[in-house]
Every structure is written in C-alpha cells, then in structure tokens.
C-alpha cells in the first residue's frame, strides 16, 4: 500500500485551458464544479493509496453522503478492494473527508465487439457438381463425412435444382 504524503496530492491549482474544470466553468455548471473538484481530489487520494495494479483496474466514480463509490473492471479486483475498504476509508478520513464506507461495483470494460461472421457465398453449379462427384467416389471416411456436411450446408443455403441430398448421390 502506498503512503500518502502531502506532496503527492495536488493542491487546488487554477485550471489549465483544456482541463475539465475550465470546461465546466465555461458552461456555467453551478454546483457541478465543486463536486467535480471534490471527485478530482478524492480520485488523486484514491490512486495514491491503492496498490498500482488495483488503481489501474478501478476508478473512483462518485462520492455521496460520505460513501466513496468505486467501479472495477472485474470481480477479482472488486474483492481485493472490499478487503482494503477499512484501510481506504481510514485514509480518506485522515485526509479530512467524511468517509463512512466504500461501495465497490463491477463494471466490466466493453472490449469485445459484436462478432460479425462473413457472409457465406453459395457454391456455383460446377463446383457443387465436382464436390458431389468426389463425395460419391470416396470410401466411408472423415473426409467423406466433411464433404457430406459441406454439401448439405450448401443445399440449405442455396435451394436450386442442382442441389441434391449428398446421402442419395
């Protein structure tokens, strides 16, 4: 666990032109600005307190009624943070924040896109006929079974007059 030194927590500096604070001030966000500043400060304390690998897999997302809310990428990180909850709440309290609990939620990172399968093209008559002829001339084997499967899939995807049941061929 990291120890927090006063130098590791950034002081309240004026916002830089591209910072979140500068955008919020331009938008006249009212009471959002103090809460955003509070979350920023708490987030720095959180990242300085938790072990590096846990900090990479989680983030402080909110602070409500004295409760720190953290999102994690997986259940293993969530379990470890729940074990560290008493230490973390104590650390926030020592920094002058009212902290009476830590709520950890698992929010898996969405990395896997919906898998798109390529569209299968039907076999043309000539190719289908050659495969069908090969199938008919082969003895019982795994190759013959695979060709039979190919022919029946081709028959399902392209119902044409040249498509016949491979078992009767």
C-alpha atoms as a PDB file:
ATOM      1  CA  UNK A   1       0.000   0.000   0.000  1.00  0.00           C
ATOM      2  CA  UNK A   2       1.266   3.448  -0.838  1.00  0.00           C
ATOM      3  CA  UNK A   3       1.576   6.050   1.834  1.00  0.00           C
ATOM      4  CA  UNK A   4       0.206   9.484   1.150  1.00  0.00           C
ATOM      5  CA  UNK A   5       2.470  12.410   1.634  1.00  0.00           C
ATOM      6  CA  UNK A   6       1.167  15.967   1.436  1.00  0.00           C
ATOM      7  CA  UNK A   7       3.254  16.426  -1.711  1.00  0.00           C
ATOM      8  CA  UNK A   8       1.566  13.506  -3.521  1.00  0.00           C
ATOM      9  CA  UNK A   9      -1.855  15.201  -3.523  1.00  0.00           C
ATOM     10  CA  UNK A  10      -2.031  18.120  -5.925  1.00  0.00           C
ATOM     11  CA  UNK A  11      -3.129  21.408  -4.397  1.00  0.00           C
ATOM     12  CA  UNK A  12      -6.065  23.324  -5.800  1.00  0.00           C
ATOM     13  CA  UNK A  13      -4.354  24.857  -8.813  1.00  0.00           C
ATOM     14  CA  UNK A  14      -6.001  27.172 -11.329  1.00  0.00           C
ATOM     15  CA  UNK A  15      -7.496  25.165 -14.199  1.00  0.00           C
ATOM     16  CA  UNK A  16      -5.488  24.767 -17.377  1.00  0.00           C
ATOM     17  CA  UNK A  17      -7.223  25.780 -20.633  1.00  0.00           C
ATOM     18  CA  UNK A  18      -8.105  22.185 -21.630  1.00  0.00           C
ATOM     19  CA  UNK A  19      -8.930  20.823 -18.184  1.00  0.00           C
ATOM     20  CA  UNK A  20     -12.294  19.543 -17.073  1.00  0.00           C
ATOM     21  CA  UNK A  21     -12.581  22.418 -14.627  1.00  0.00           C
ATOM     22  CA  UNK A  22     -12.091  25.046 -17.321  1.00  0.00           C
ATOM     23  CA  UNK A  23     -14.828  23.461 -19.462  1.00  0.00           C
ATOM     24  CA  UNK A  24     -17.196  23.302 -16.509  1.00  0.00           C
ATOM     25  CA  UNK A  25     -16.546  26.927 -15.629  1.00  0.00           C
ATOM     26  CA  UNK A  26     -17.249  27.979 -19.228  1.00  0.00           C
ATOM     27  CA  UNK A  27     -20.507  26.000 -19.199  1.00  0.00           C
ATOM     28  CA  UNK A  28     -21.679  27.823 -16.045  1.00  0.00           C
ATOM     29  CA  UNK A  29     -22.240  24.483 -14.380  1.00  0.00           C
ATOM     30  CA  UNK A  30     -23.084  25.898 -10.950  1.00  0.00           C
ATOM     31  CA  UNK A  31     -22.835  23.297  -8.218  1.00  0.00           C
ATOM     32  CA  UNK A  32     -21.283  20.697 -10.517  1.00  0.00           C
ATOM     33  CA  UNK A  33     -17.920  22.449 -10.309  1.00  0.00           C
ATOM     34  CA  UNK A  34     -17.397  21.966  -6.553  1.00  0.00           C
ATOM     35  CA  UNK A  35     -18.432  18.301  -6.808  1.00  0.00           C
ATOM     36  CA  UNK A  36     -16.106  17.766  -9.792  1.00  0.00           C
ATOM     37  CA  UNK A  37     -13.239  19.333  -7.833  1.00  0.00           C
ATOM     38  CA  UNK A  38     -14.056  17.126  -4.863  1.00  0.00           C
ATOM     39  CA  UNK A  39     -14.101  13.998  -7.058  1.00  0.00           C
ATOM     40  CA  UNK A  40     -10.810  15.008  -8.653  1.00  0.00           C
ATOM     41  CA  UNK A  41      -9.157  15.439  -5.257  1.00  0.00           C
ATOM     42  CA  UNK A  42     -10.633  12.176  -3.917  1.00  0.00           C
ATOM     43  CA  UNK A  43      -9.525  10.377  -7.066  1.00  0.00           C
ATOM     44  CA  UNK A  44      -5.936  11.543  -6.546  1.00  0.00           C
ATOM     45  CA  UNK A  45      -6.032  10.317  -2.951  1.00  0.00           C
ATOM     46  CA  UNK A  46      -7.537   7.010  -4.075  1.00  0.00           C
ATOM     47  CA  UNK A  47      -4.907   6.429  -6.779  1.00  0.00           C
ATOM     48  CA  UNK A  48      -2.112   7.336  -4.359  1.00  0.00           C
ATOM     49  CA  UNK A  49      -3.477   4.950  -1.711  1.00  0.00           C
ATOM     50  CA  UNK A  50      -4.354   1.736  -3.534  1.00  0.00           C
ATOM     51  CA  UNK A  51      -1.654  -0.550  -4.952  1.00  0.00           C
ATOM     52  CA  UNK A  52      -0.734   0.355  -8.509  1.00  0.00           C
ATOM     53  CA  UNK A  53      -2.276  -2.720 -10.164  1.00  0.00           C
ATOM     54  CA  UNK A  54      -5.597  -2.157  -8.377  1.00  0.00           C
ATOM     55  CA  UNK A  55      -5.563   1.512  -9.326  1.00  0.00           C
ATOM     56  CA  UNK A  56      -5.200   0.580 -12.987  1.00  0.00           C
ATOM     57  CA  UNK A  57      -8.201  -1.755 -12.826  1.00  0.00           C
ATOM     58  CA  UNK A  58     -10.525   0.596 -10.944  1.00  0.00           C
ATOM     59  CA  UNK A  59     -11.576   4.214 -10.624  1.00  0.00           C
ATOM     60  CA  UNK A  60     -13.331   6.388  -8.116  1.00  0.00           C
ATOM     61  CA  UNK A  61     -16.583   7.496  -9.745  1.00  0.00           C
ATOM     62  CA  UNK A  62     -18.616   9.276  -7.080  1.00  0.00           C
ATOM     63  CA  UNK A  63     -18.907  10.460  -3.505  1.00  0.00           C
ATOM     64  CA  UNK A  64     -22.375  10.555  -1.912  1.00  0.00           C
ATOM     65  CA  UNK A  65     -23.307  11.096   1.722  1.00  0.00           C
ATOM     66  CA  UNK A  66     -19.870  10.120   2.963  1.00  0.00           C
ATOM     67  CA  UNK A  67     -19.668   6.996   0.826  1.00  0.00           C
ATOM     68  CA  UNK A  68     -16.956   6.530  -1.805  1.00  0.00           C
ATOM     69  CA  UNK A  69     -18.154   4.687  -4.938  1.00  0.00           C
ATOM     70  CA  UNK A  70     -15.569   2.805  -6.991  1.00  0.00           C
ATOM     71  CA  UNK A  71     -16.008   0.912 -10.269  1.00  0.00           C
ATOM     72  CA  UNK A  72     -13.735  -2.015 -11.044  1.00  0.00           C
ATOM     73  CA  UNK A  73     -13.025  -3.903 -14.243  1.00  0.00           C
ATOM     74  CA  UNK A  74     -13.528  -7.382 -12.771  1.00  0.00           C
ATOM     75  CA  UNK A  75     -14.698  -9.323  -9.730  1.00  0.00           C
ATOM     76  CA  UNK A  76     -11.191 -10.182  -8.514  1.00  0.00           C
ATOM     77  CA  UNK A  77     -10.271  -6.500  -8.239  1.00  0.00           C
ATOM     78  CA  UNK A  78     -13.596  -5.783  -6.528  1.00  0.00           C
ATOM     79  CA  UNK A  79     -12.940  -8.493  -3.931  1.00  0.00           C
ATOM     80  CA  UNK A  80      -9.479  -7.127  -3.170  1.00  0.00           C
ATOM     81  CA  UNK A  81     -10.805  -3.559  -2.843  1.00  0.00           C
ATOM     82  CA  UNK A  82     -13.527  -4.752  -0.472  1.00  0.00           C
ATOM     83  CA  UNK A  83     -10.776  -6.229   1.692  1.00  0.00           C
ATOM     84  CA  UNK A  84      -8.999  -2.869   1.635  1.00  0.00           C
ATOM     85  CA  UNK A  85     -12.181  -0.875   2.388  1.00  0.00           C
ATOM     86  CA  UNK A  86     -11.409  -0.221   6.098  1.00  0.00           C
ATOM     87  CA  UNK A  87      -7.912   0.995   5.235  1.00  0.00           C
ATOM     88  CA  UNK A  88      -9.194   3.204   2.413  1.00  0.00           C
ATOM     89  CA  UNK A  89     -11.986   4.772   4.483  1.00  0.00           C
ATOM     90  CA  UNK A  90      -9.487   5.469   7.252  1.00  0.00           C
ATOM     91  CA  UNK A  91      -7.121   7.093   4.768  1.00  0.00           C
ATOM     92  CA  UNK A  92      -9.866   9.372   3.393  1.00  0.00           C
ATOM     93  CA  UNK A  93     -10.890  10.298   6.944  1.00  0.00           C
ATOM     94  CA  UNK A  94      -7.301  11.183   7.834  1.00  0.00           C
ATOM     95  CA  UNK A  95      -7.233  13.496   4.808  1.00  0.00           C
ATOM     96  CA  UNK A  96     -10.209  15.389   6.244  1.00  0.00           C
ATOM     97  CA  UNK A  97     -13.075  13.842   4.262  1.00  0.00           C
ATOM     98  CA  UNK A  98     -16.146  12.365   5.883  1.00  0.00           C
ATOM     99  CA  UNK A  99     -15.922   8.751   4.776  1.00  0.00           C
ATOM    100  CA  UNK A 100     -18.107   6.118   6.345  1.00  0.00           C
ATOM    101  CA  UNK A 101     -17.894   3.443   3.671  1.00  0.00           C
ATOM    102  CA  UNK A 102     -16.684   2.233   0.330  1.00  0.00           C
ATOM    103  CA  UNK A 103     -19.051   0.817  -2.273  1.00  0.00           C
ATOM    104  CA  UNK A 104     -17.389  -1.289  -4.979  1.00  0.00           C
ATOM    105  CA  UNK A 105     -19.232  -2.094  -8.194  1.00  0.00           C
ATOM    106  CA  UNK A 106     -18.032  -4.235 -11.065  1.00  0.00           C
ATOM    107  CA  UNK A 107     -18.330  -2.522 -14.435  1.00  0.00           C
ATOM    108  CA  UNK A 108     -16.568  -4.732 -16.988  1.00  0.00           C
ATOM    109  CA  UNK A 109     -14.772  -2.867 -19.702  1.00  0.00           C
ATOM    110  CA  UNK A 110     -16.527  -3.399 -23.004  1.00  0.00           C
ATOM    111  CA  UNK A 111     -13.741  -4.626 -25.231  1.00  0.00           C
ATOM    112  CA  UNK A 112     -15.405  -7.308 -27.234  1.00  0.00           C
ATOM    113  CA  UNK A 113     -17.468  -6.021 -30.123  1.00  0.00           C
ATOM    114  CA  UNK A 114     -20.332  -7.993 -31.544  1.00  0.00           C
ATOM    115  CA  UNK A 115     -18.761 -10.673 -33.676  1.00  0.00           C
ATOM    116  CA  UNK A 116     -19.701 -10.413 -37.322  1.00  0.00           C
ATOM    117  CA  UNK A 117     -19.449 -13.538 -39.394  1.00  0.00           C
ATOM    118  CA  UNK A 118     -18.635 -13.161 -43.076  1.00  0.00           C
ATOM    119  CA  UNK A 119     -21.497 -13.851 -45.421  1.00  0.00           C
ATOM    120  CA  UNK A 120     -21.135 -17.263 -46.980  1.00  0.00           C
ATOM    121  CA  UNK A 121     -21.264 -17.413 -50.738  1.00  0.00           C
ATOM    122  CA  UNK A 122     -23.164 -20.303 -52.280  1.00  0.00           C
ATOM    123  CA  UNK A 123     -21.288 -22.898 -54.306  1.00  0.00           C
ATOM    124  CA  UNK A 124     -21.731 -22.488 -58.058  1.00  0.00           C
ATOM    125  CA  UNK A 125     -23.093 -25.403 -60.087  1.00  0.00           C
ATOM    126  CA  UNK A 126     -19.735 -26.556 -61.415  1.00  0.00           C
ATOM    127  CA  UNK A 127     -18.006 -26.611 -58.004  1.00  0.00           C
ATOM    128  CA  UNK A 128     -21.010 -28.231 -56.347  1.00  0.00           C
ATOM    129  CA  UNK A 129     -21.054 -30.957 -59.029  1.00  0.00           C
ATOM    130  CA  UNK A 130     -17.329 -31.705 -58.629  1.00  0.00           C
ATOM    131  CA  UNK A 131     -17.584 -31.930 -54.834  1.00  0.00           C
ATOM    132  CA  UNK A 132     -20.675 -34.113 -55.176  1.00  0.00           C
ATOM    133  CA  UNK A 133     -18.816 -36.424 -57.594  1.00  0.00           C
ATOM    134  CA  UNK A 134     -15.820 -36.621 -55.241  1.00  0.00           C
ATOM    135  CA  UNK A 135     -18.151 -37.400 -52.323  1.00  0.00           C
ATOM    136  CA  UNK A 136     -19.798 -40.242 -54.284  1.00  0.00           C
ATOM    137  CA  UNK A 137     -16.421 -41.827 -55.198  1.00  0.00           C
ATOM    138  CA  UNK A 138     -14.856 -41.727 -51.711  1.00  0.00           C
ATOM    139  CA  UNK A 139     -14.993 -44.683 -49.322  1.00  0.00           C
ATOM    140  CA  UNK A 140     -16.502 -44.136 -45.856  1.00  0.00           C
ATOM    141  CA  UNK A 141     -14.044 -41.741 -44.087  1.00  0.00           C
ATOM    142  CA  UNK A 142     -13.827 -38.467 -42.165  1.00  0.00           C
ATOM    143  CA  UNK A 143     -13.144 -36.633 -45.455  1.00  0.00           C
ATOM    144  CA  UNK A 144     -16.311 -38.100 -46.974  1.00  0.00           C
ATOM    145  CA  UNK A 145     -18.289 -37.041 -43.869  1.00  0.00           C
ATOM    146  CA  UNK A 146     -16.853 -33.497 -44.076  1.00  0.00           C
ATOM    147  CA  UNK A 147     -17.762 -33.258 -47.768  1.00  0.00           C
ATOM    148  CA  UNK A 148     -21.254 -34.524 -46.941  1.00  0.00           C
ATOM    149  CA  UNK A 149     -21.620 -31.760 -44.352  1.00  0.00           C
ATOM    150  CA  UNK A 150     -20.384 -29.179 -46.859  1.00  0.00           C
ATOM    151  CA  UNK A 151     -22.861 -30.388 -49.472  1.00  0.00           C
ATOM    152  CA  UNK A 152     -25.795 -30.366 -47.049  1.00  0.00           C
ATOM    153  CA  UNK A 153     -24.920 -26.831 -45.851  1.00  0.00           C
ATOM    154  CA  UNK A 154     -24.664 -25.730 -49.452  1.00  0.00           C
ATOM    155  CA  UNK A 155     -28.028 -27.361 -50.109  1.00  0.00           C
ATOM    156  CA  UNK A 156     -29.612 -25.444 -47.208  1.00  0.00           C
ATOM    157  CA  UNK A 157     -28.167 -22.088 -48.244  1.00  0.00           C
ATOM    158  CA  UNK A 158     -28.963 -22.404 -51.968  1.00  0.00           C
ATOM    159  CA  UNK A 159     -32.095 -24.381 -52.812  1.00  0.00           C
ATOM    160  CA  UNK A 160     -31.621 -24.918 -56.538  1.00  0.00           C
ATOM    161  CA  UNK A 161     -32.351 -27.750 -58.927  1.00  0.00           C
ATOM    162  CA  UNK A 162     -28.699 -28.858 -58.963  1.00  0.00           C
ATOM    163  CA  UNK A 163     -28.614 -29.318 -55.208  1.00  0.00           C
ATOM    164  CA  UNK A 164     -29.287 -32.887 -54.170  1.00  0.00           C
ATOM    165  CA  UNK A 165     -29.119 -34.751 -50.924  1.00  0.00           C
ATOM    166  CA  UNK A 166     -25.488 -35.974 -50.556  1.00  0.00           C
ATOM    167  CA  UNK A 167     -26.660 -39.218 -48.963  1.00  0.00           C
ATOM    168  CA  UNK A 168     -28.566 -40.235 -52.098  1.00  0.00           C
ATOM    169  CA  UNK A 169     -25.819 -39.211 -54.501  1.00  0.00           C
END
